[in-house]
Amino acid sequence: MARSLPPLNALRAFEAAGRHQSFSRAAEELGVSHSAISRHVRGLEQRLGVHLFRDAARGVALTAEGEHYLRRVSPALDVIGDATEGLADKPAGRVVVNSEPVFAAKIVVPLMAQFQRDFPEIELRLVGSNELADLDRFEADLAVRYAKSGHLDSPSDLLSDAPIYPFAAPGYLTDDTLRPEDLTRVPLLRDRGPNIWVDWAAHAGFDVQVPDTPWRMRAALALEMAVHGAGVYLGASDGTYLDETAGRLVRVSDVGFRQGSFHLLTSGLAGRRKAVRSVRTWLLDQTRSLRSG
């Protein structure tokens, strides 16, 4: 008996719109127009005789029938995609990685050229943002997230638990050495809050009242200020590695301590794709030196 199947393009349009709760974002993902998504969905609704979406304050929302259909269609499309990838010799496709900006700019971006040489069939899209992507809604395939506690509640891979040290531009401090009195006379920059300078001073054994610095800029800007001689930056040595190597920053104390870590989360269904698995393995391999273990 012949199967009663709607057009594949209609199913893909519905599934993407259902995940994103948005026709526009579905269109962006599939590389088609908003009107094409709408046309496919409306045609599918007419074929099924049900409403799959309803209007919402922002975009669209699934109806009860739409939610039920999405739960069945998504795994089916994933199985088809997995079977198709299994026949390919090399991983291919688009992989989206959402990452904290400093980690993206200072660690991942410098490795991108090598990645493109090693995996020319994979389009790696790196999104540097302080807004966390929702992996359950497929806003990204992989996400780099920071955990102050040192671990996340969700299953993840440790990328970096590099220790925190103070850094400054060469010659900014006498002998490139941070002294107790410097903590009260120079701008103290940091990559996270609360004021971790207090914690660092305690580790260093500095008997000095560290001034409170309630204003904190984004880590990327604080780091650049230190590079240009506008203060001493206290941050993890993974984000400063390139500037140290290039001679733009020097470590002004051997005293460091660990606080928090970066982890890699993988989207459940996306993690079955060969391209996503390849990017995950590559990231873990490239960051091996940043892990204490």
C-alpha atoms as a PDB file:
ATOM      1  CA  MET A   1       0.000   0.000   0.000  1.00  0.00           C
ATOM      2  CA  ALA A   2       1.336   3.409  -0.943  1.00  0.00           C
ATOM      3  CA  ARG A   3       2.182   5.701   1.950  1.00  0.00           C
ATOM      4  CA  SER A   4       0.151   8.875   2.432  1.00  0.00           C
ATOM      5  CA  LEU A   5       2.968  11.401   2.607  1.00  0.00           C
ATOM      6  CA  PRO A   6       2.840  15.170   2.182  1.00  0.00           C
ATOM      7  CA  PRO A   7       5.582  16.902   0.166  1.00  0.00           C
ATOM      8  CA  LEU A   8       8.979  16.826   1.895  1.00  0.00           C
ATOM      9  CA  ASN A   9       9.477  20.581   1.467  1.00  0.00           C
ATOM     10  CA  ALA A  10       6.200  21.212   3.278  1.00  0.00           C
ATOM     11  CA  LEU A  11       7.271  18.984   6.170  1.00  0.00           C
ATOM     12  CA  ARG A  12      10.658  20.719   6.404  1.00  0.00           C
ATOM     13  CA  ALA A  13       8.980  24.148   6.403  1.00  0.00           C
ATOM     14  CA  PHE A  14       6.511  23.109   9.107  1.00  0.00           C
ATOM     15  CA  GLU A  15       9.159  21.448  11.263  1.00  0.00           C
ATOM     16  CA  ALA A  16      11.513  24.447  11.148  1.00  0.00           C
ATOM     17  CA  ALA A  17       8.689  26.921  11.817  1.00  0.00           C
ATOM     18  CA  GLY A  18       7.457  24.777  14.691  1.00  0.00           C
ATOM     19  CA  ARG A  19      10.872  24.606  16.334  1.00  0.00           C
ATOM     20  CA  HIS A  20      11.491  28.328  16.034  1.00  0.00           C
ATOM     21  CA  GLN A  21       7.865  29.421  16.543  1.00  0.00           C
ATOM     22  CA  SER A  22       8.611  31.792  13.695  1.00  0.00           C
ATOM     23  CA  PHE A  23       8.172  31.713   9.923  1.00  0.00           C
ATOM     24  CA  SER A  24      10.975  34.267   9.476  1.00  0.00           C
ATOM     25  CA  ARG A  25      13.547  32.240  11.387  1.00  0.00           C
ATOM     26  CA  ALA A  26      12.470  29.073   9.609  1.00  0.00           C
ATOM     27  CA  ALA A  27      12.981  30.853   6.294  1.00  0.00           C
ATOM     28  CA  GLU A  28      16.460  31.948   7.367  1.00  0.00           C
ATOM     29  CA  GLU A  29      17.392  28.414   8.408  1.00  0.00           C
ATOM     30  CA  LEU A  30      16.194  26.815   5.181  1.00  0.00           C
ATOM     31  CA  GLY A  31      17.432  29.603   2.917  1.00  0.00           C
ATOM     32  CA  VAL A  32      14.021  30.443   1.440  1.00  0.00           C
ATOM     33  CA  SER A  33      11.615  33.358   1.662  1.00  0.00           C
ATOM     34  CA  HIS A  34       9.065  34.001   4.407  1.00  0.00           C
ATOM     35  CA  SER A  35       6.302  33.632   1.847  1.00  0.00           C
ATOM     36  CA  ALA A  36       7.621  30.207   0.820  1.00  0.00           C
ATOM     37  CA  ILE A  37       7.391  28.962   4.402  1.00  0.00           C
ATOM     38  CA  SER A  38       3.899  30.362   4.744  1.00  0.00           C
ATOM     39  CA  ARG A  39       2.820  28.799   1.458  1.00  0.00           C
ATOM     40  CA  HIS A  40       4.156  25.368   2.401  1.00  0.00           C
ATOM     41  CA  VAL A  41       2.545  25.476   5.847  1.00  0.00           C
ATOM     42  CA  ARG A  42      -0.822  26.609   4.542  1.00  0.00           C
ATOM     43  CA  GLY A  43      -0.747  23.893   1.897  1.00  0.00           C
ATOM     44  CA  LEU A  44       0.066  21.302   4.543  1.00  0.00           C
ATOM     45  CA  GLU A  45      -2.785  22.534   6.753  1.00  0.00           C
ATOM     46  CA  GLN A  46      -5.211  22.241   3.835  1.00  0.00           C
ATOM     47  CA  ARG A  47      -4.004  18.716   3.093  1.00  0.00           C
ATOM     48  CA  LEU A  48      -4.361  17.641   6.739  1.00  0.00           C
ATOM     49  CA  GLY A  49      -7.560  19.570   7.384  1.00  0.00           C
ATOM     50  CA  VAL A  50      -6.275  21.083  10.647  1.00  0.00           C
ATOM     51  CA  HIS A  51      -4.702  24.331  11.837  1.00  0.00           C
ATOM     52  CA  LEU A  52      -1.078  23.751  12.834  1.00  0.00           C
ATOM     53  CA  PHE A  53      -0.310  27.331  13.917  1.00  0.00           C
ATOM     54  CA  ARG A  54      -2.079  30.259  15.484  1.00  0.00           C
ATOM     55  CA  ASP A  55      -1.056  33.897  15.598  1.00  0.00           C
ATOM     56  CA  ALA A  56       0.946  34.961  18.651  1.00  0.00           C
ATOM     57  CA  ALA A  57       2.294  38.226  20.048  1.00  0.00           C
ATOM     58  CA  ARG A  58       5.684  37.397  18.551  1.00  0.00           C
ATOM     59  CA  GLY A  59       5.501  35.286  15.427  1.00  0.00           C
ATOM     60  CA  VAL A  60       3.329  32.198  15.612  1.00  0.00           C
ATOM     61  CA  ALA A  61       2.566  29.437  18.092  1.00  0.00           C
ATOM     62  CA  LEU A  62       1.693  25.797  17.564  1.00  0.00           C
ATOM     63  CA  THR A  63      -1.834  24.593  18.118  1.00  0.00           C
ATOM     64  CA  ALA A  64      -2.408  21.379  20.064  1.00  0.00           C
ATOM     65  CA  GLU A  65      -2.567  19.502  16.751  1.00  0.00           C
ATOM     66  CA  GLY A  66       0.622  21.236  15.622  1.00  0.00           C
ATOM     67  CA  GLU A  67       2.502  20.273  18.773  1.00  0.00           C
ATOM     68  CA  HIS A  68       1.441  16.644  18.404  1.00  0.00           C
ATOM     69  CA  TYR A  69       2.452  16.593  14.729  1.00  0.00           C
ATOM     70  CA  LEU A  70       5.818  18.253  15.431  1.00  0.00           C
ATOM     71  CA  ARG A  71       6.686  15.640  18.063  1.00  0.00           C
ATOM     72  CA  ARG A  72       6.237  12.941  15.416  1.00  0.00           C
ATOM     73  CA  VAL A  73       7.682  14.730  12.388  1.00  0.00           C
ATOM     74  CA  SER A  74      10.931  16.045  13.939  1.00  0.00           C
ATOM     75  CA  PRO A  75      12.360  12.593  14.852  1.00  0.00           C
ATOM     76  CA  ALA A  76      11.295  11.235  11.456  1.00  0.00           C
ATOM     77  CA  LEU A  77      13.163  13.975   9.569  1.00  0.00           C
ATOM     78  CA  ASP A  78      16.147  13.452  11.848  1.00  0.00           C
ATOM     79  CA  VAL A  79      16.224   9.755  10.997  1.00  0.00           C
ATOM     80  CA  ILE A  80      16.130  10.583   7.280  1.00  0.00           C
ATOM     81  CA  GLY A  81      18.937  13.099   7.686  1.00  0.00           C
ATOM     82  CA  ASP A  82      20.998  10.662   9.762  1.00  0.00           C
ATOM     83  CA  ALA A  83      20.558   7.899   7.201  1.00  0.00           C
ATOM     84  CA  THR A  84      21.567  10.242   4.383  1.00  0.00           C
ATOM     85  CA  GLU A  85      24.660  11.441   6.237  1.00  0.00           C
ATOM     86  CA  GLY A  86      25.609   7.851   6.951  1.00  0.00           C
ATOM     87  CA  LEU A  87      26.131   7.275   3.231  1.00  0.00           C
ATOM     88  CA  ALA A  88      28.422  10.281   2.843  1.00  0.00           C
ATOM     89  CA  ASP A  89      32.191   9.837   2.951  1.00  0.00           C
ATOM     90  CA  LYS A  90      32.809  13.147   4.718  1.00  0.00           C
ATOM     91  CA  PRO A  91      30.792  15.247   7.181  1.00  0.00           C
ATOM     92  CA  ALA A  92      29.030  18.150   5.494  1.00  0.00           C
ATOM     93  CA  GLY A  93      26.480  20.849   6.219  1.00  0.00           C
ATOM     94  CA  ARG A  94      26.065  23.925   8.366  1.00  0.00           C
ATOM     95  CA  VAL A  95      26.935  23.897  12.078  1.00  0.00           C
ATOM     96  CA  VAL A  96      26.051  26.844  14.325  1.00  0.00           C
ATOM     97  CA  VAL A  97      28.122  27.435  17.474  1.00  0.00           C
ATOM     98  CA  ASN A  98      26.880  29.972  20.021  1.00  0.00           C
ATOM     99  CA  SER A  99      29.658  31.242  22.278  1.00  0.00           C
ATOM    100  CA  GLU A 100      30.529  33.814  24.910  1.00  0.00           C
ATOM    101  CA  PRO A 101      32.226  36.655  22.933  1.00  0.00           C
ATOM    102  CA  VAL A 102      35.737  36.577  24.444  1.00  0.00           C
ATOM    103  CA  PHE A 103      35.980  32.790  24.135  1.00  0.00           C
ATOM    104  CA  ALA A 104      34.766  33.040  20.542  1.00  0.00           C
ATOM    105  CA  ALA A 105      37.105  35.878  19.554  1.00  0.00           C
ATOM    106  CA  LYS A 106      40.243  34.832  21.410  1.00  0.00           C
ATOM    107  CA  ILE A 107      40.095  31.048  21.166  1.00  0.00           C
ATOM    108  CA  VAL A 108      37.838  29.858  18.342  1.00  0.00           C
ATOM    109  CA  VAL A 109      38.301  32.551  15.666  1.00  0.00           C
ATOM    110  CA  PRO A 110      42.107  32.144  15.427  1.00  0.00           C
ATOM    111  CA  LEU A 111      41.537  28.452  14.674  1.00  0.00           C
ATOM    112  CA  MET A 112      38.905  28.965  11.987  1.00  0.00           C
ATOM    113  CA  ALA A 113      41.320  29.013   9.032  1.00  0.00           C
ATOM    114  CA  GLN A 114      42.720  25.625  10.031  1.00  0.00           C
ATOM    115  CA  PHE A 115      39.206  24.284  10.530  1.00  0.00           C
ATOM    116  CA  GLN A 116      38.242  25.363   7.004  1.00  0.00           C
ATOM    117  CA  ARG A 117      41.267  23.551   5.616  1.00  0.00           C
ATOM    118  CA  ASP A 118      40.491  20.393   7.578  1.00  0.00           C
ATOM    119  CA  PHE A 119      36.715  20.414   6.988  1.00  0.00           C
ATOM    120  CA  PRO A 120      35.972  22.269   3.733  1.00  0.00           C
ATOM    121  CA  GLU A 121      32.544  20.607   3.452  1.00  0.00           C
ATOM    122  CA  ILE A 122      31.335  22.070   6.776  1.00  0.00           C
ATOM    123  CA  GLU A 123      30.053  25.646   7.018  1.00  0.00           C
ATOM    124  CA  LEU A 124      30.894  26.650  10.583  1.00  0.00           C
ATOM    125  CA  ARG A 125      28.866  29.631  11.794  1.00  0.00           C
ATOM    126  CA  LEU A 126      30.198  31.166  15.002  1.00  0.00           C
ATOM    127  CA  VAL A 127      27.811  33.432  16.918  1.00  0.00           C
ATOM    128  CA  GLY A 128      29.497  35.463  19.665  1.00  0.00           C
ATOM    129  CA  SER A 129      26.817  36.578  22.084  1.00  0.00           C
ATOM    130  CA  ASN A 130      26.177  37.006  25.800  1.00  0.00           C
ATOM    131  CA  GLU A 131      22.639  35.787  25.110  1.00  0.00           C
ATOM    132  CA  LEU A 132      22.454  32.041  25.564  1.00  0.00           C
ATOM    133  CA  ALA A 133      21.072  30.119  22.609  1.00  0.00           C
ATOM    134  CA  ASP A 134      18.142  27.788  23.240  1.00  0.00           C
ATOM    135  CA  LEU A 135      19.407  24.420  22.024  1.00  0.00           C
ATOM    136  CA  ASP A 136      15.997  22.828  22.513  1.00  0.00           C
ATOM    137  CA  ARG A 137      14.639  25.165  19.848  1.00  0.00           C
ATOM    138  CA  PHE A 138      17.637  24.582  17.586  1.00  0.00           C
ATOM    139  CA  GLU A 139      18.894  28.172  17.849  1.00  0.00           C
ATOM    140  CA  ALA A 140      22.358  26.593  17.722  1.00  0.00           C
ATOM    141  CA  ASP A 141      23.847  23.136  17.355  1.00  0.00           C
ATOM    142  CA  LEU A 142      26.582  23.693  19.952  1.00  0.00           C
ATOM    143  CA  ALA A 143      26.890  26.260  22.732  1.00  0.00           C
ATOM    144  CA  VAL A 144      29.872  27.407  24.805  1.00  0.00           C
ATOM    145  CA  ARG A 145      28.708  28.436  28.271  1.00  0.00           C
ATOM    146  CA  TYR A 146      30.433  29.633  31.407  1.00  0.00           C
ATOM    147  CA  ALA A 147      29.705  28.052  34.772  1.00  0.00           C
ATOM    148  CA  LYS A 148      30.958  29.860  37.854  1.00  0.00           C
ATOM    149  CA  SER A 149      30.320  26.762  39.955  1.00  0.00           C
ATOM    150  CA  GLY A 150      32.591  24.740  37.704  1.00  0.00           C
ATOM    151  CA  HIS A 151      29.837  22.520  36.330  1.00  0.00           C
ATOM    152  CA  LEU A 152      26.496  22.765  34.526  1.00  0.00           C
ATOM    153  CA  ASP A 153      23.257  21.001  35.342  1.00  0.00           C
ATOM    154  CA  SER A 154      22.992  19.762  31.747  1.00  0.00           C
ATOM    155  CA  PRO A 155      25.356  17.149  30.269  1.00  0.00           C
ATOM    156  CA  SER A 156      28.349  18.939  28.768  1.00  0.00           C
ATOM    157  CA  ASP A 157      32.033  18.693  27.895  1.00  0.00           C
ATOM    158  CA  LEU A 158      34.645  20.714  29.768  1.00  0.00           C
ATOM    159  CA  LEU A 159      36.440  23.094  27.387  1.00  0.00           C
ATOM    160  CA  SER A 160      38.536  25.244  29.709  1.00  0.00           C
ATOM    161  CA  ASP A 161      39.135  25.771  33.401  1.00  0.00           C
ATOM    162  CA  ALA A 162      42.187  27.977  32.861  1.00  0.00           C
ATOM    163  CA  PRO A 163      43.301  29.897  35.973  1.00  0.00           C
ATOM    164  CA  ILE A 164      42.794  33.631  36.510  1.00  0.00           C
ATOM    165  CA  TYR A 165      45.839  35.923  36.548  1.00  0.00           C
ATOM    166  CA  PRO A 166      46.428  39.692  36.393  1.00  0.00           C
ATOM    167  CA  PHE A 167      47.702  41.064  33.061  1.00  0.00           C
ATOM    168  CA  ALA A 168      48.866  44.447  31.824  1.00  0.00           C
ATOM    169  CA  ALA A 169      50.486  45.997  28.768  1.00  0.00           C
ATOM    170  CA  PRO A 170      54.295  45.676  28.776  1.00  0.00           C
ATOM    171  CA  GLY A 171      55.831  48.517  30.790  1.00  0.00           C
ATOM    172  CA  TYR A 172      52.548  49.612  32.319  1.00  0.00           C
ATOM    173  CA  LEU A 173      53.766  48.539  35.778  1.00  0.00           C
ATOM    174  CA  THR A 174      57.277  48.886  37.170  1.00  0.00           C
ATOM    175  CA  ASP A 175      59.248  45.760  36.270  1.00  0.00           C
ATOM    176  CA  ASP A 176      55.948  44.335  34.971  1.00  0.00           C
ATOM    177  CA  THR A 177      55.180  43.323  38.539  1.00  0.00           C
ATOM    178  CA  LEU A 178      51.935  43.961  40.415  1.00  0.00           C
ATOM    179  CA  ARG A 179      52.553  45.284  43.939  1.00  0.00           C
ATOM    180  CA  PRO A 180      50.052  45.782  46.783  1.00  0.00           C
ATOM    181  CA  GLU A 181      50.036  49.576  46.379  1.00  0.00           C
ATOM    182  CA  ASP A 182      49.101  49.204  42.702  1.00  0.00           C
ATOM    183  CA  LEU A 183      45.679  47.904  43.724  1.00  0.00           C
ATOM    184  CA  THR A 184      44.795  51.356  45.074  1.00  0.00           C
ATOM    185  CA  ARG A 185      46.320  53.544  42.362  1.00  0.00           C
ATOM    186  CA  VAL A 186      45.633  51.949  38.953  1.00  0.00           C
ATOM    187  CA  PRO A 187      42.350  51.067  37.212  1.00  0.00           C
ATOM    188  CA  LEU A 188      41.432  47.485  38.027  1.00  0.00           C
ATOM    189  CA  LEU A 189      39.740  45.743  35.100  1.00  0.00           C
ATOM    190  CA  ARG A 190      38.103  42.320  35.241  1.00  0.00           C
ATOM    191  CA  ASP A 191      36.262  39.868  33.056  1.00  0.00           C
ATOM    192  CA  ARG A 192      33.496  38.908  35.448  1.00  0.00           C
ATOM    193  CA  GLY A 193      31.717  39.951  38.642  1.00  0.00           C
ATOM    194  CA  PRO A 194      31.488  40.227  41.566  1.00  0.00           C
ATOM    195  CA  ASN A 195      34.781  41.927  42.329  1.00  0.00           C
ATOM    196  CA  ILE A 196      37.190  39.024  41.896  1.00  0.00           C
ATOM    197  CA  TRP A 197      40.092  41.367  42.660  1.00  0.00           C
ATOM    198  CA  VAL A 198      39.271  40.878  46.351  1.00  0.00           C
ATOM    199  CA  ASP A 199      39.595  37.101  45.918  1.00  0.00           C
ATOM    200  CA  TRP A 200      42.857  37.460  44.018  1.00  0.00           C
ATOM    201  CA  ALA A 201      44.372  39.769  46.665  1.00  0.00           C
ATOM    202  CA  ALA A 202      43.544  37.196  49.331  1.00  0.00           C
ATOM    203  CA  HIS A 203      45.282  34.457  47.339  1.00  0.00           C
ATOM    204  CA  ALA A 204      48.297  36.738  46.840  1.00  0.00           C
ATOM    205  CA  GLY A 205      48.480  37.572  50.550  1.00  0.00           C
ATOM    206  CA  PHE A 206      48.231  41.319  49.877  1.00  0.00           C
ATOM    207  CA  ASP A 207      47.239  43.142  53.051  1.00  0.00           C
ATOM    208  CA  VAL A 208      45.438  45.997  51.329  1.00  0.00           C
ATOM    209  CA  GLN A 209      41.869  47.227  51.057  1.00  0.00           C
ATOM    210  CA  VAL A 210      40.913  46.597  47.447  1.00  0.00           C
ATOM    211  CA  PRO A 211      38.680  49.437  46.230  1.00  0.00           C
ATOM    212  CA  ASP A 212      35.183  48.496  45.171  1.00  0.00           C
ATOM    213  CA  THR A 213      34.667  48.773  41.421  1.00  0.00           C
ATOM    214  CA  PRO A 214      30.909  48.453  40.920  1.00  0.00           C
ATOM    215  CA  TRP A 215      31.022  49.371  37.245  1.00  0.00           C
ATOM    216  CA  ARG A 216      32.071  46.485  35.031  1.00  0.00           C
ATOM    217  CA  MET A 217      32.285  46.600  31.266  1.00  0.00           C
ATOM    218  CA  ARG A 218      32.035  43.601  29.004  1.00  0.00           C
ATOM    219  CA  ALA A 219      35.033  41.297  29.206  1.00  0.00           C
ATOM    220  CA  ALA A 220      36.113  41.950  25.621  1.00  0.00           C
ATOM    221  CA  LEU A 221      36.299  45.700  26.215  1.00  0.00           C
ATOM    222  CA  ALA A 222      38.072  45.339  29.573  1.00  0.00           C
ATOM    223  CA  LEU A 223      40.671  43.126  27.929  1.00  0.00           C
ATOM    224  CA  GLU A 224      41.237  45.614  25.104  1.00  0.00           C
ATOM    225  CA  MET A 225      41.652  48.444  27.602  1.00  0.00           C
ATOM    226  CA  ALA A 226      44.469  46.523  29.275  1.00  0.00           C
ATOM    227  CA  VAL A 227      46.087  45.818  25.904  1.00  0.00           C
ATOM    228  CA  HIS A 228      46.150  49.559  25.236  1.00  0.00           C
ATOM    229  CA  GLY A 229      47.625  50.444  28.626  1.00  0.00           C
ATOM    230  CA  ALA A 230      44.511  51.642  30.424  1.00  0.00           C
ATOM    231  CA  GLY A 231      44.616  49.375  33.483  1.00  0.00           C
ATOM    232  CA  VAL A 232      45.394  45.944  34.888  1.00  0.00           C
ATOM    233  CA  TYR A 233      43.122  43.147  33.715  1.00  0.00           C
ATOM    234  CA  LEU A 234      42.204  40.188  35.920  1.00  0.00           C
ATOM    235  CA  GLY A 235      40.898  37.331  33.846  1.00  0.00           C
ATOM    236  CA  ALA A 236      41.296  33.738  32.733  1.00  0.00           C
ATOM    237  CA  SER A 237      44.471  32.928  30.859  1.00  0.00           C
ATOM    238  CA  ASP A 238      42.594  31.231  28.029  1.00  0.00           C
ATOM    239  CA  GLY A 239      41.226  34.567  26.810  1.00  0.00           C
ATOM    240  CA  THR A 240      44.614  36.329  27.061  1.00  0.00           C
ATOM    241  CA  TYR A 241      46.718  33.632  25.382  1.00  0.00           C
ATOM    242  CA  LEU A 242      46.911  35.317  21.969  1.00  0.00           C
ATOM    243  CA  ASP A 243      47.759  38.736  23.391  1.00  0.00           C
ATOM    244  CA  GLU A 244      50.451  37.206  25.599  1.00  0.00           C
ATOM    245  CA  THR A 245      51.931  35.305  22.671  1.00  0.00           C
ATOM    246  CA  ALA A 246      51.967  38.458  20.531  1.00  0.00           C
ATOM    247  CA  GLY A 247      53.584  40.487  23.329  1.00  0.00           C
ATOM    248  CA  ARG A 248      50.608  42.789  23.817  1.00  0.00           C
ATOM    249  CA  LEU A 249      50.062  41.629  27.398  1.00  0.00           C
ATOM    250  CA  VAL A 250      52.309  40.306  30.146  1.00  0.00           C
ATOM    251  CA  ARG A 251      51.361  38.369  33.256  1.00  0.00           C
ATOM    252  CA  VAL A 252      52.226  40.692  36.140  1.00  0.00           C
ATOM    253  CA  SER A 253      52.025  38.066  38.899  1.00  0.00           C
ATOM    254  CA  ASP A 254      52.551  34.332  39.202  1.00  0.00           C
ATOM    255  CA  VAL A 255      49.646  34.123  41.643  1.00  0.00           C
ATOM    256  CA  GLY A 256      46.533  32.679  40.038  1.00  0.00           C
ATOM    257  CA  PHE A 257      43.434  30.791  41.029  1.00  0.00           C
ATOM    258  CA  ARG A 258      40.598  28.945  39.332  1.00  0.00           C
ATOM    259  CA  GLN A 259      37.028  30.198  39.376  1.00  0.00           C
ATOM    260  CA  GLY A 260      34.527  28.655  37.034  1.00  0.00           C
ATOM    261  CA  SER A 261      34.949  27.011  33.659  1.00  0.00           C
ATOM    262  CA  PHE A 262      33.741  26.962  30.064  1.00  0.00           C
ATOM    263  CA  HIS A 263      31.671  24.022  28.862  1.00  0.00           C
ATOM    264  CA  LEU A 264      30.379  22.785  25.518  1.00  0.00           C
ATOM    265  CA  LEU A 265      26.739  21.765  25.209  1.00  0.00           C
ATOM    266  CA  THR A 266      25.434  19.791  22.251  1.00  0.00           C
ATOM    267  CA  SER A 267      21.873  19.938  20.991  1.00  0.00           C
ATOM    268  CA  GLY A 268      20.220  16.549  21.393  1.00  0.00           C
ATOM    269  CA  LEU A 269      18.976  15.864  17.873  1.00  0.00           C
ATOM    270  CA  ALA A 270      21.688  17.941  16.196  1.00  0.00           C
ATOM    271  CA  GLY A 271      24.303  15.861  17.981  1.00  0.00           C
ATOM    272  CA  ARG A 272      23.371  12.921  15.775  1.00  0.00           C
ATOM    273  CA  ARG A 273      24.643  14.750  12.685  1.00  0.00           C
ATOM    274  CA  LYS A 274      28.107  13.785  11.531  1.00  0.00           C
ATOM    275  CA  ALA A 275      29.090  17.426  10.933  1.00  0.00           C
ATOM    276  CA  VAL A 276      28.105  18.449  14.473  1.00  0.00           C
ATOM    277  CA  ARG A 277      30.025  15.542  15.967  1.00  0.00           C
ATOM    278  CA  SER A 278      33.083  16.547  13.929  1.00  0.00           C
ATOM    279  CA  VAL A 279      32.969  20.141  15.184  1.00  0.00           C
ATOM    280  CA  ARG A 280      32.512  18.958  18.774  1.00  0.00           C
ATOM    281  CA  THR A 281      35.529  16.649  18.539  1.00  0.00           C
ATOM    282  CA  TRP A 282      37.593  19.402  16.900  1.00  0.00           C
ATOM    283  CA  LEU A 283      36.771  21.945  19.634  1.00  0.00           C
ATOM    284  CA  LEU A 284      37.644  19.489  22.394  1.00  0.00           C
ATOM    285  CA  ASP A 285      40.911  18.595  20.691  1.00  0.00           C
ATOM    286  CA  GLN A 286      41.917  22.224  20.106  1.00  0.00           C
ATOM    287  CA  THR A 287      41.231  23.247  23.714  1.00  0.00           C
ATOM    288  CA  ARG A 288      42.927  20.295  25.411  1.00  0.00           C
ATOM    289  CA  SER A 289      45.733  22.475  26.785  1.00  0.00           C
ATOM    290  CA  LEU A 290      43.188  24.714  28.558  1.00  0.00           C
ATOM    291  CA  ARG A 291      41.970  21.936  30.846  1.00  0.00           C
ATOM    292  CA  SER A 292      43.698  21.181  34.132  1.00  0.00           C
ATOM    293  CA  GLY A 293      42.859  17.507  33.850  1.00  0.00           C
END
